[in-house]
Amino acid sequence: MAWVFLMMAGVGEMTAMFFLKLSDGFQKRKPAFMAILAGAASFYFLSLSLKDLPIGTAYGIWTGIGSAGTVLLGIFFFKEPANRKRLLFITCIVAGVIGLKMVS
């Protein structure tokens, strides 16, 4: 169940960043509130995953999901550039996350 909680934490992190971008520097209340709510949910699920997973593994995977996922959200929703180098390094992050999962 710890891995499920960790995945939920990663999705929460991505969601928080998505709404943070929409909040326009906390100027728009609804997206700002959603960013805070998603961030709190992310930390909550991360804390649940830490009951059974090593902290280094959990944190590495959580940040990897958040980083790679947020870059992809930026590309698809905010028209950020999707050049080969960005995609290569996202792939490296995903490979690192898979590697941590395999050794834990």
C-alpha atoms as a PDB file:
ATOM      1  CA  MET A   1       0.000   0.000   0.000  1.00  0.00           C
ATOM      2  CA  ALA A   2       2.989   2.293   0.575  1.00  0.00           C
ATOM      3  CA  TRP A   3       3.692   2.414  -3.160  1.00  0.00           C
ATOM      4  CA  VAL A   4       0.097   3.414  -3.876  1.00  0.00           C
ATOM      5  CA  PHE A   5       0.383   6.211  -1.310  1.00  0.00           C
ATOM      6  CA  LEU A   6       3.643   7.324  -2.909  1.00  0.00           C
ATOM      7  CA  MET A   7       2.064   7.451  -6.370  1.00  0.00           C
ATOM      8  CA  MET A   8      -0.835   9.462  -4.946  1.00  0.00           C
ATOM      9  CA  ALA A   9       1.680  11.831  -3.351  1.00  0.00           C
ATOM     10  CA  GLY A  10       3.399  12.291  -6.710  1.00  0.00           C
ATOM     11  CA  VAL A  11       0.125  13.041  -8.462  1.00  0.00           C
ATOM     12  CA  GLY A  12      -0.723  15.474  -5.666  1.00  0.00           C
ATOM     13  CA  GLU A  13       2.591  17.236  -6.237  1.00  0.00           C
ATOM     14  CA  MET A  14       1.888  17.571  -9.952  1.00  0.00           C
ATOM     15  CA  THR A  15      -1.623  18.837  -9.230  1.00  0.00           C
ATOM     16  CA  ALA A  16      -0.310  21.392  -6.752  1.00  0.00           C
ATOM     17  CA  MET A  17       2.164  22.750  -9.309  1.00  0.00           C
ATOM     18  CA  PHE A  18      -0.527  22.892 -11.999  1.00  0.00           C
ATOM     19  CA  PHE A  19      -2.819  24.989  -9.810  1.00  0.00           C
ATOM     20  CA  LEU A  20       0.093  27.071  -8.547  1.00  0.00           C
ATOM     21  CA  LYS A  21       0.788  28.093 -12.140  1.00  0.00           C
ATOM     22  CA  LEU A  22      -2.900  28.914 -12.659  1.00  0.00           C
ATOM     23  CA  SER A  23      -3.004  30.975  -9.452  1.00  0.00           C
ATOM     24  CA  ASP A  24      -0.877  33.705 -11.066  1.00  0.00           C
ATOM     25  CA  GLY A  25       1.309  34.199  -7.995  1.00  0.00           C
ATOM     26  CA  PHE A  26      -1.574  33.552  -5.573  1.00  0.00           C
ATOM     27  CA  GLN A  27      -3.579  36.383  -7.165  1.00  0.00           C
ATOM     28  CA  LYS A  28      -6.431  34.055  -8.167  1.00  0.00           C
ATOM     29  CA  ARG A  29      -8.066  32.583  -5.081  1.00  0.00           C
ATOM     30  CA  LYS A  30      -9.602  29.345  -6.374  1.00  0.00           C
ATOM     31  CA  PRO A  31      -6.456  28.006  -8.059  1.00  0.00           C
ATOM     32  CA  ALA A  32      -4.383  29.164  -5.060  1.00  0.00           C
ATOM     33  CA  PHE A  33      -6.679  27.282  -2.691  1.00  0.00           C
ATOM     34  CA  MET A  34      -6.512  24.178  -4.902  1.00  0.00           C
ATOM     35  CA  ALA A  35      -2.701  24.399  -4.970  1.00  0.00           C
ATOM     36  CA  ILE A  36      -2.562  24.500  -1.169  1.00  0.00           C
ATOM     37  CA  LEU A  37      -5.056  21.643  -0.875  1.00  0.00           C
ATOM     38  CA  ALA A  38      -3.212  19.460  -3.392  1.00  0.00           C
ATOM     39  CA  GLY A  39       0.132  20.234  -1.736  1.00  0.00           C
ATOM     40  CA  ALA A  40      -1.228  19.247   1.670  1.00  0.00           C
ATOM     41  CA  ALA A  41      -2.660  16.030   0.228  1.00  0.00           C
ATOM     42  CA  SER A  42       0.692  15.296  -1.387  1.00  0.00           C
ATOM     43  CA  PHE A  43       2.544  15.660   1.921  1.00  0.00           C
ATOM     44  CA  TYR A  44      -0.081  13.561   3.687  1.00  0.00           C
ATOM     45  CA  PHE A  45       0.246  10.660   1.249  1.00  0.00           C
ATOM     46  CA  LEU A  46       4.038  10.978   1.284  1.00  0.00           C
ATOM     47  CA  SER A  47       3.980  10.680   5.077  1.00  0.00           C
ATOM     48  CA  LEU A  48       1.859   7.530   4.824  1.00  0.00           C
ATOM     49  CA  SER A  49       4.302   5.981   2.358  1.00  0.00           C
ATOM     50  CA  LEU A  50       7.211   6.718   4.721  1.00  0.00           C
ATOM     51  CA  LYS A  51       5.799   4.259   7.254  1.00  0.00           C
ATOM     52  CA  ASP A  52       7.048   1.392   5.061  1.00  0.00           C
ATOM     53  CA  LEU A  53       9.525   2.838   2.558  1.00  0.00           C
ATOM     54  CA  PRO A  54      13.044   4.182   3.096  1.00  0.00           C
ATOM     55  CA  ILE A  55      13.023   7.987   3.153  1.00  0.00           C
ATOM     56  CA  GLY A  56      15.631   8.353   0.407  1.00  0.00           C
ATOM     57  CA  THR A  57      13.742   6.066  -1.937  1.00  0.00           C
ATOM     58  CA  ALA A  58      10.357   7.640  -1.223  1.00  0.00           C
ATOM     59  CA  TYR A  59      11.632  11.199  -1.532  1.00  0.00           C
ATOM     60  CA  GLY A  60      13.552  10.452  -4.724  1.00  0.00           C
ATOM     61  CA  ILE A  61      10.545   8.858  -6.369  1.00  0.00           C
ATOM     62  CA  TRP A  62       8.172  11.575  -5.126  1.00  0.00           C
ATOM     63  CA  THR A  63      10.345  14.356  -6.529  1.00  0.00           C
ATOM     64  CA  GLY A  64      10.900  12.403  -9.744  1.00  0.00           C
ATOM     65  CA  ILE A  65       7.180  11.972 -10.330  1.00  0.00           C
ATOM     66  CA  GLY A  66       6.585  15.611  -9.465  1.00  0.00           C
ATOM     67  CA  SER A  67       9.402  16.896 -11.677  1.00  0.00           C
ATOM     68  CA  ALA A  68       8.743  14.768 -14.742  1.00  0.00           C
ATOM     69  CA  GLY A  69       4.989  15.103 -14.428  1.00  0.00           C
ATOM     70  CA  THR A  70       5.145  18.862 -14.002  1.00  0.00           C
ATOM     71  CA  VAL A  71       7.333  19.241 -17.085  1.00  0.00           C
ATOM     72  CA  LEU A  72       4.807  17.198 -19.071  1.00  0.00           C
ATOM     73  CA  LEU A  73       1.915  19.276 -17.714  1.00  0.00           C
ATOM     74  CA  GLY A  74       3.791  22.403 -18.774  1.00  0.00           C
ATOM     75  CA  ILE A  75       4.268  21.031 -22.270  1.00  0.00           C
ATOM     76  CA  PHE A  76       0.667  19.908 -22.739  1.00  0.00           C
ATOM     77  CA  PHE A  77      -1.276  22.622 -20.903  1.00  0.00           C
ATOM     78  CA  PHE A  78       0.936  25.709 -20.941  1.00  0.00           C
ATOM     79  CA  LYS A  79       2.605  25.263 -24.341  1.00  0.00           C
ATOM     80  CA  GLU A  80       6.098  25.108 -22.873  1.00  0.00           C
ATOM     81  CA  PRO A  81       8.800  23.893 -25.280  1.00  0.00           C
ATOM     82  CA  ALA A  82       9.148  20.151 -25.862  1.00  0.00           C
ATOM     83  CA  ASN A  83      12.555  19.852 -27.455  1.00  0.00           C
ATOM     84  CA  ARG A  84      14.660  16.700 -27.620  1.00  0.00           C
ATOM     85  CA  LYS A  85      16.932  17.661 -24.738  1.00  0.00           C
ATOM     86  CA  ARG A  86      14.021  18.271 -22.340  1.00  0.00           C
ATOM     87  CA  LEU A  87      12.443  14.962 -23.325  1.00  0.00           C
ATOM     88  CA  LEU A  88      15.784  13.159 -22.944  1.00  0.00           C
ATOM     89  CA  PHE A  89      16.232  14.427 -19.400  1.00  0.00           C
ATOM     90  CA  ILE A  90      12.623  13.635 -18.468  1.00  0.00           C
ATOM     91  CA  THR A  91      13.389  10.107 -19.649  1.00  0.00           C
ATOM     92  CA  CYS A  92      16.446  10.080 -17.363  1.00  0.00           C
ATOM     93  CA  ILE A  93      14.270  11.080 -14.403  1.00  0.00           C
ATOM     94  CA  VAL A  94      11.768   8.331 -15.211  1.00  0.00           C
ATOM     95  CA  ALA A  95      14.601   5.799 -15.539  1.00  0.00           C
ATOM     96  CA  GLY A  96      15.911   6.855 -12.125  1.00  0.00           C
ATOM     97  CA  VAL A  97      12.470   6.442 -10.578  1.00  0.00           C
ATOM     98  CA  ILE A  98      12.142   2.969 -12.102  1.00  0.00           C
ATOM     99  CA  GLY A  99      15.627   2.094 -10.851  1.00  0.00           C
ATOM    100  CA  LEU A 100      14.791   3.171  -7.297  1.00  0.00           C
ATOM    101  CA  LYS A 101      11.598   1.117  -7.410  1.00  0.00           C
ATOM    102  CA  MET A 102      13.510  -1.950  -8.589  1.00  0.00           C
ATOM    103  CA  VAL A 103      16.075  -1.831  -5.787  1.00  0.00           C
ATOM    104  CA  SER A 104      13.619  -1.055  -2.977  1.00  0.00           C
END
